[in-house]
N, C-alpha and C. Protein backbone atom coordinates (compact mmCIF):
# COMPACT_ATOMS: atom_id res chain seq x y z
N MET A 1 5.61 7.65 22.01
CA MET A 1 4.65 8.72 21.72
C MET A 1 4.25 8.60 20.26
N THR A 2 2.98 8.77 20.00
CA THR A 2 2.49 8.71 18.62
C THR A 2 2.32 10.11 18.07
N LYS A 3 2.16 10.18 16.77
CA LYS A 3 1.96 11.46 16.09
C LYS A 3 0.76 12.18 16.70
N LEU A 4 0.91 13.48 16.89
CA LEU A 4 -0.19 14.28 17.43
C LEU A 4 -1.27 14.42 16.36
N SER A 5 -2.52 14.25 16.76
CA SER A 5 -3.63 14.39 15.81
C SER A 5 -3.81 15.86 15.44
N ASP A 6 -4.44 16.11 14.31
CA ASP A 6 -4.71 17.48 13.88
C ASP A 6 -5.56 18.21 14.91
N ASP A 7 -6.53 17.52 15.50
CA ASP A 7 -7.37 18.15 16.53
C ASP A 7 -6.54 18.56 17.74
N LEU A 8 -5.64 17.69 18.16
CA LEU A 8 -4.80 18.01 19.32
C LEU A 8 -3.85 19.16 19.00
N ILE A 9 -3.30 19.19 17.80
CA ILE A 9 -2.43 20.30 17.39
C ILE A 9 -3.19 21.61 17.45
N ASN A 10 -4.42 21.62 16.94
CA ASN A 10 -5.24 22.83 16.99
C ASN A 10 -5.54 23.24 18.42
N GLN A 11 -5.82 22.27 19.29
CA GLN A 11 -6.06 22.58 20.71
C GLN A 11 -4.82 23.19 21.35
N ILE A 12 -3.67 22.59 21.10
CA ILE A 12 -2.42 23.10 21.67
C ILE A 12 -2.19 24.54 21.23
N GLU A 13 -2.39 24.82 19.94
CA GLU A 13 -2.22 26.18 19.43
C GLU A 13 -3.15 27.16 20.13
N GLN A 14 -4.39 26.76 20.35
CA GLN A 14 -5.33 27.63 21.04
C GLN A 14 -4.94 27.84 22.50
N TYR A 15 -4.50 26.77 23.16
CA TYR A 15 -4.04 26.89 24.55
C TYR A 15 -2.86 27.84 24.64
N LEU A 16 -1.90 27.68 23.73
CA LEU A 16 -0.72 28.54 23.77
C LEU A 16 -1.09 30.00 23.58
N LEU A 17 -1.97 30.28 22.63
CA LEU A 17 -2.38 31.66 22.40
C LEU A 17 -3.04 32.25 23.65
N LYS A 18 -3.75 31.44 24.41
CA LYS A 18 -4.37 31.90 25.66
C LYS A 18 -3.33 32.09 26.76
N CYS A 19 -2.28 31.27 26.75
CA CYS A 19 -1.30 31.26 27.84
C CYS A 19 -0.13 32.21 27.64
N TRP A 20 0.24 32.48 26.40
CA TRP A 20 1.37 33.37 26.16
C TRP A 20 1.04 34.78 26.61
N SER A 21 2.03 35.47 27.14
CA SER A 21 1.86 36.84 27.61
C SER A 21 3.24 37.44 27.83
N LEU A 22 3.28 38.66 28.35
CA LEU A 22 4.55 39.27 28.74
C LEU A 22 5.22 38.49 29.86
N LYS A 23 4.44 37.67 30.56
CA LYS A 23 5.02 36.84 31.63
C LYS A 23 5.77 35.63 31.07
N THR A 24 5.50 35.27 29.81
CA THR A 24 6.18 34.13 29.21
C THR A 24 7.25 34.55 28.19
N SER A 25 7.21 35.80 27.75
CA SER A 25 8.26 36.36 26.89
C SER A 25 8.19 37.88 26.94
N SER A 26 9.33 38.51 27.15
CA SER A 26 9.37 39.97 27.17
C SER A 26 9.15 40.56 25.78
N LYS A 27 9.17 39.73 24.75
CA LYS A 27 8.96 40.18 23.37
C LYS A 27 7.51 40.05 22.92
N TRP A 28 6.65 39.48 23.75
CA TRP A 28 5.25 39.26 23.41
C TRP A 28 4.55 40.59 23.12
N THR A 29 3.69 40.61 22.09
CA THR A 29 2.81 41.74 21.82
C THR A 29 1.46 41.19 21.35
N LEU A 30 0.44 42.01 21.43
CA LEU A 30 -0.87 41.61 20.90
C LEU A 30 -0.78 41.34 19.40
N GLU A 31 0.04 42.14 18.70
CA GLU A 31 0.18 41.99 17.25
C GLU A 31 0.94 40.71 16.88
N ASN A 32 1.86 40.29 17.75
CA ASN A 32 2.66 39.09 17.47
C ASN A 32 2.87 38.31 18.78
N PRO A 33 1.84 37.59 19.22
CA PRO A 33 1.96 36.85 20.49
C PRO A 33 2.96 35.70 20.42
N TYR A 34 3.38 35.29 19.23
CA TYR A 34 4.34 34.20 19.05
C TYR A 34 5.77 34.65 19.33
N LYS A 35 6.01 35.96 19.29
CA LYS A 35 7.36 36.53 19.36
C LYS A 35 8.06 36.16 20.66
N GLY A 36 9.25 35.57 20.52
CA GLY A 36 10.09 35.26 21.67
C GLY A 36 9.63 34.08 22.50
N GLN A 37 8.68 33.31 22.00
CA GLN A 37 8.11 32.21 22.79
C GLN A 37 8.73 30.85 22.46
N CYS A 38 9.69 30.79 21.55
CA CYS A 38 10.12 29.47 21.05
C CYS A 38 10.79 28.60 22.10
N GLY A 39 11.75 29.13 22.85
CA GLY A 39 12.45 28.31 23.83
C GLY A 39 11.54 27.79 24.91
N VAL A 40 10.78 28.68 25.49
CA VAL A 40 9.88 28.30 26.59
C VAL A 40 8.80 27.33 26.10
N THR A 41 8.29 27.55 24.90
CA THR A 41 7.27 26.68 24.35
C THR A 41 7.83 25.29 24.04
N ALA A 42 9.02 25.24 23.45
CA ALA A 42 9.65 23.94 23.16
C ALA A 42 9.85 23.13 24.44
N LEU A 43 10.22 23.81 25.52
CA LEU A 43 10.40 23.12 26.80
C LEU A 43 9.09 22.55 27.33
N VAL A 44 8.04 23.35 27.30
CA VAL A 44 6.75 22.90 27.85
C VAL A 44 6.14 21.80 26.97
N ILE A 45 6.23 21.92 25.67
CA ILE A 45 5.74 20.86 24.78
C ILE A 45 6.53 19.58 25.04
N ASN A 46 7.83 19.69 25.26
CA ASN A 46 8.66 18.54 25.59
C ASN A 46 8.22 17.91 26.91
N ASP A 47 7.87 18.74 27.89
CA ASP A 47 7.36 18.22 29.17
C ASP A 47 6.07 17.43 28.96
N LEU A 48 5.18 17.96 28.15
CA LEU A 48 3.86 17.36 27.97
C LEU A 48 3.85 16.14 27.06
N PHE A 49 4.67 16.16 26.00
CA PHE A 49 4.56 15.13 24.97
C PHE A 49 5.85 14.37 24.68
N GLY A 50 6.93 14.73 25.36
CA GLY A 50 8.20 14.04 25.13
C GLY A 50 8.83 14.44 23.82
N GLY A 51 9.60 13.54 23.24
CA GLY A 51 10.26 13.81 21.98
C GLY A 51 11.58 14.53 22.18
N ASN A 52 11.97 15.28 21.14
CA ASN A 52 13.25 15.99 21.14
C ASN A 52 13.03 17.47 20.91
N ILE A 53 14.01 18.25 21.32
CA ILE A 53 14.04 19.68 21.02
C ILE A 53 15.05 19.88 19.90
N LEU A 54 14.62 20.61 18.87
CA LEU A 54 15.46 20.92 17.72
C LEU A 54 15.67 22.41 17.64
N LYS A 55 16.67 22.82 16.83
CA LYS A 55 16.90 24.24 16.61
C LYS A 55 17.29 24.49 15.17
N THR A 56 17.04 25.71 14.73
CA THR A 56 17.38 26.19 13.40
C THR A 56 17.76 27.65 13.54
N GLU A 57 18.77 28.08 12.81
CA GLU A 57 19.13 29.50 12.85
C GLU A 57 18.17 30.28 11.96
N VAL A 58 17.53 31.29 12.55
CA VAL A 58 16.60 32.15 11.83
C VAL A 58 16.93 33.60 12.20
N GLU A 59 17.16 34.41 11.19
CA GLU A 59 17.45 35.83 11.40
C GLU A 59 18.59 36.02 12.40
N GLY A 60 19.61 35.16 12.31
CA GLY A 60 20.79 35.30 13.14
C GLY A 60 20.67 34.81 14.57
N GLN A 61 19.55 34.14 14.89
CA GLN A 61 19.34 33.64 16.25
C GLN A 61 18.83 32.20 16.18
N TRP A 62 19.02 31.47 17.26
CA TRP A 62 18.49 30.12 17.33
C TRP A 62 16.99 30.15 17.56
N HIS A 63 16.30 29.32 16.81
CA HIS A 63 14.85 29.14 16.95
C HIS A 63 14.63 27.69 17.37
N PHE A 64 13.88 27.49 18.47
CA PHE A 64 13.67 26.15 19.04
C PHE A 64 12.25 25.66 18.76
N TYR A 65 12.14 24.34 18.60
CA TYR A 65 10.85 23.69 18.32
C TYR A 65 11.00 22.21 18.66
N ASN A 66 10.02 21.41 18.34
CA ASN A 66 10.00 20.02 18.80
C ASN A 66 9.91 19.01 17.66
N ARG A 67 10.40 17.80 17.96
CA ARG A 67 10.15 16.63 17.11
C ARG A 67 9.57 15.57 18.03
N ILE A 68 8.39 15.10 17.66
CA ILE A 68 7.70 14.07 18.43
C ILE A 68 7.38 12.93 17.46
N ASP A 69 7.88 11.76 17.77
CA ASP A 69 7.70 10.57 16.93
C ASP A 69 8.03 10.85 15.47
N GLY A 70 9.16 11.51 15.24
CA GLY A 70 9.64 11.75 13.89
C GLY A 70 9.00 12.92 13.16
N GLU A 71 8.03 13.58 13.77
CA GLU A 71 7.33 14.71 13.14
C GLU A 71 7.79 16.02 13.78
N ARG A 72 8.00 17.05 12.94
CA ARG A 72 8.36 18.38 13.43
C ARG A 72 7.10 19.14 13.84
N TYR A 73 7.17 19.75 15.03
CA TYR A 73 6.08 20.60 15.52
C TYR A 73 6.68 21.93 15.94
N ASP A 74 6.32 22.99 15.23
CA ASP A 74 6.81 24.33 15.53
C ASP A 74 5.61 25.23 15.79
N PHE A 75 5.31 25.40 17.06
CA PHE A 75 4.13 26.18 17.43
C PHE A 75 4.39 27.68 17.44
N THR A 76 5.63 28.11 17.20
CA THR A 76 5.94 29.54 17.24
C THR A 76 6.48 30.07 15.91
N SER A 77 6.33 29.32 14.85
CA SER A 77 6.87 29.74 13.54
C SER A 77 6.22 31.02 13.02
N LYS A 78 5.01 31.32 13.47
CA LYS A 78 4.30 32.49 12.96
C LYS A 78 4.89 33.81 13.46
N GLN A 79 5.90 33.74 14.35
CA GLN A 79 6.54 34.97 14.80
C GLN A 79 7.38 35.60 13.69
N PHE A 80 7.73 34.80 12.68
CA PHE A 80 8.58 35.28 11.59
C PHE A 80 7.75 35.67 10.38
N ASN A 81 8.24 36.66 9.64
CA ASN A 81 7.53 37.15 8.46
C ASN A 81 7.82 36.35 7.21
N SER A 82 8.77 35.43 7.29
CA SER A 82 9.12 34.62 6.12
C SER A 82 9.14 33.15 6.50
N ASP A 83 9.18 32.31 5.47
CA ASP A 83 9.24 30.87 5.70
C ASP A 83 10.57 30.50 6.35
N ILE A 84 10.55 29.44 7.13
CA ILE A 84 11.75 28.97 7.82
C ILE A 84 12.37 27.84 7.00
N ASP A 85 13.67 27.94 6.77
CA ASP A 85 14.43 26.88 6.12
C ASP A 85 14.97 25.98 7.25
N TYR A 86 14.19 24.99 7.63
CA TYR A 86 14.51 24.17 8.80
C TYR A 86 15.79 23.37 8.59
N GLN A 87 16.67 23.44 9.59
CA GLN A 87 17.90 22.66 9.62
C GLN A 87 17.75 21.44 10.53
N ASP A 88 16.79 21.47 11.43
CA ASP A 88 16.51 20.37 12.35
C ASP A 88 17.77 19.88 13.08
N ILE A 89 18.50 20.82 13.66
CA ILE A 89 19.70 20.49 14.43
C ILE A 89 19.28 20.02 15.81
N GLU A 90 19.81 18.88 16.23
CA GLU A 90 19.49 18.37 17.57
C GLU A 90 19.90 19.40 18.62
N SER A 91 19.03 19.65 19.57
CA SER A 91 19.31 20.56 20.66
C SER A 91 18.98 19.84 21.96
N ASN A 92 18.80 20.59 23.03
CA ASN A 92 18.47 19.99 24.31
C ASN A 92 17.78 21.01 25.20
N ARG A 93 17.36 20.57 26.36
CA ARG A 93 16.63 21.44 27.28
C ARG A 93 17.51 22.60 27.77
N GLU A 94 18.80 22.34 27.96
CA GLU A 94 19.69 23.38 28.45
C GLU A 94 19.79 24.54 27.46
N GLU A 95 19.96 24.20 26.18
CA GLU A 95 20.04 25.25 25.16
C GLU A 95 18.72 26.01 25.05
N ALA A 96 17.62 25.30 25.05
CA ALA A 96 16.32 25.97 24.96
C ALA A 96 16.08 26.83 26.19
N PHE A 97 16.53 26.36 27.35
CA PHE A 97 16.32 27.14 28.58
C PHE A 97 17.14 28.42 28.57
N ALA A 98 18.25 28.45 27.84
CA ALA A 98 19.06 29.66 27.74
C ALA A 98 18.30 30.78 27.02
N ASP A 99 17.21 30.42 26.33
CA ASP A 99 16.38 31.37 25.60
C ASP A 99 15.24 31.92 26.46
N THR A 100 15.15 31.48 27.71
CA THR A 100 14.05 31.87 28.59
C THR A 100 14.58 32.02 30.02
N ASN A 101 13.71 31.99 31.00
CA ASN A 101 14.14 31.99 32.40
C ASN A 101 13.13 31.18 33.22
N GLU A 102 13.46 30.94 34.47
CA GLU A 102 12.64 30.08 35.32
C GLU A 102 11.22 30.61 35.48
N PHE A 103 11.07 31.92 35.64
CA PHE A 103 9.74 32.50 35.82
C PHE A 103 8.88 32.29 34.57
N GLN A 104 9.44 32.59 33.40
CA GLN A 104 8.69 32.42 32.15
C GLN A 104 8.31 30.96 31.94
N TYR A 105 9.26 30.08 32.20
CA TYR A 105 9.01 28.65 32.03
C TYR A 105 7.93 28.16 32.98
N SER A 106 8.05 28.47 34.26
CA SER A 106 7.06 27.97 35.22
C SER A 106 5.69 28.58 34.97
N THR A 107 5.65 29.83 34.52
CA THR A 107 4.37 30.47 34.20
C THR A 107 3.69 29.75 33.04
N LEU A 108 4.42 29.52 31.95
CA LEU A 108 3.80 28.85 30.80
C LEU A 108 3.44 27.41 31.14
N LYS A 109 4.31 26.72 31.84
CA LYS A 109 4.02 25.32 32.17
C LYS A 109 2.77 25.22 33.05
N THR A 110 2.67 26.07 34.05
CA THR A 110 1.52 26.04 34.96
C THR A 110 0.22 26.36 34.21
N THR A 111 0.23 27.40 33.39
CA THR A 111 -1.00 27.78 32.68
C THR A 111 -1.37 26.75 31.61
N MET A 112 -0.37 26.20 30.93
CA MET A 112 -0.66 25.15 29.93
C MET A 112 -1.21 23.90 30.59
N MET A 113 -0.64 23.51 31.71
CA MET A 113 -1.13 22.32 32.42
C MET A 113 -2.58 22.54 32.86
N GLN A 114 -2.90 23.74 33.30
CA GLN A 114 -4.27 24.05 33.71
C GLN A 114 -5.22 23.99 32.52
N GLU A 115 -4.83 24.58 31.40
CA GLU A 115 -5.66 24.53 30.18
C GLU A 115 -5.86 23.09 29.73
N TYR A 116 -4.79 22.32 29.72
CA TYR A 116 -4.83 20.93 29.26
C TYR A 116 -5.70 20.09 30.18
N LYS A 117 -5.58 20.32 31.47
CA LYS A 117 -6.37 19.58 32.47
C LYS A 117 -7.86 19.88 32.34
N ASN A 118 -8.19 21.12 32.02
CA ASN A 118 -9.59 21.54 31.93
C ASN A 118 -10.20 21.34 30.55
N ALA A 119 -9.45 20.73 29.65
CA ALA A 119 -9.94 20.54 28.28
C ALA A 119 -11.10 19.55 28.27
N PRO A 120 -12.11 19.83 27.45
CA PRO A 120 -13.19 18.86 27.31
C PRO A 120 -12.67 17.59 26.64
N VAL A 121 -13.17 16.47 27.06
CA VAL A 121 -12.70 15.18 26.52
C VAL A 121 -13.43 14.85 25.24
């Protein structure tokens, strides 16, 4: 897998904002749609683009994100009010899945796949 282009990163961010909801995290709000989306998002990004799942402790809890071809991608960092001091601890799908559930995961994966499939080329 190669580094994601800036255009693709922007597209992914827009897709996620459209797809996140109370169905993908019980912590979701209009004011902070990023809240509680880290585990489920890391899993779906891993499904779509491969790479690794990483974690960092933030505010006493594990925060999950991705590394693809040596680059860190954290699509849910905006849920926090302060900068993240990344530890980049290797994690896995099982740990990230403990932060979500099957319904939230399948909902985000299905809606993201639909958005990605319908994207203009």
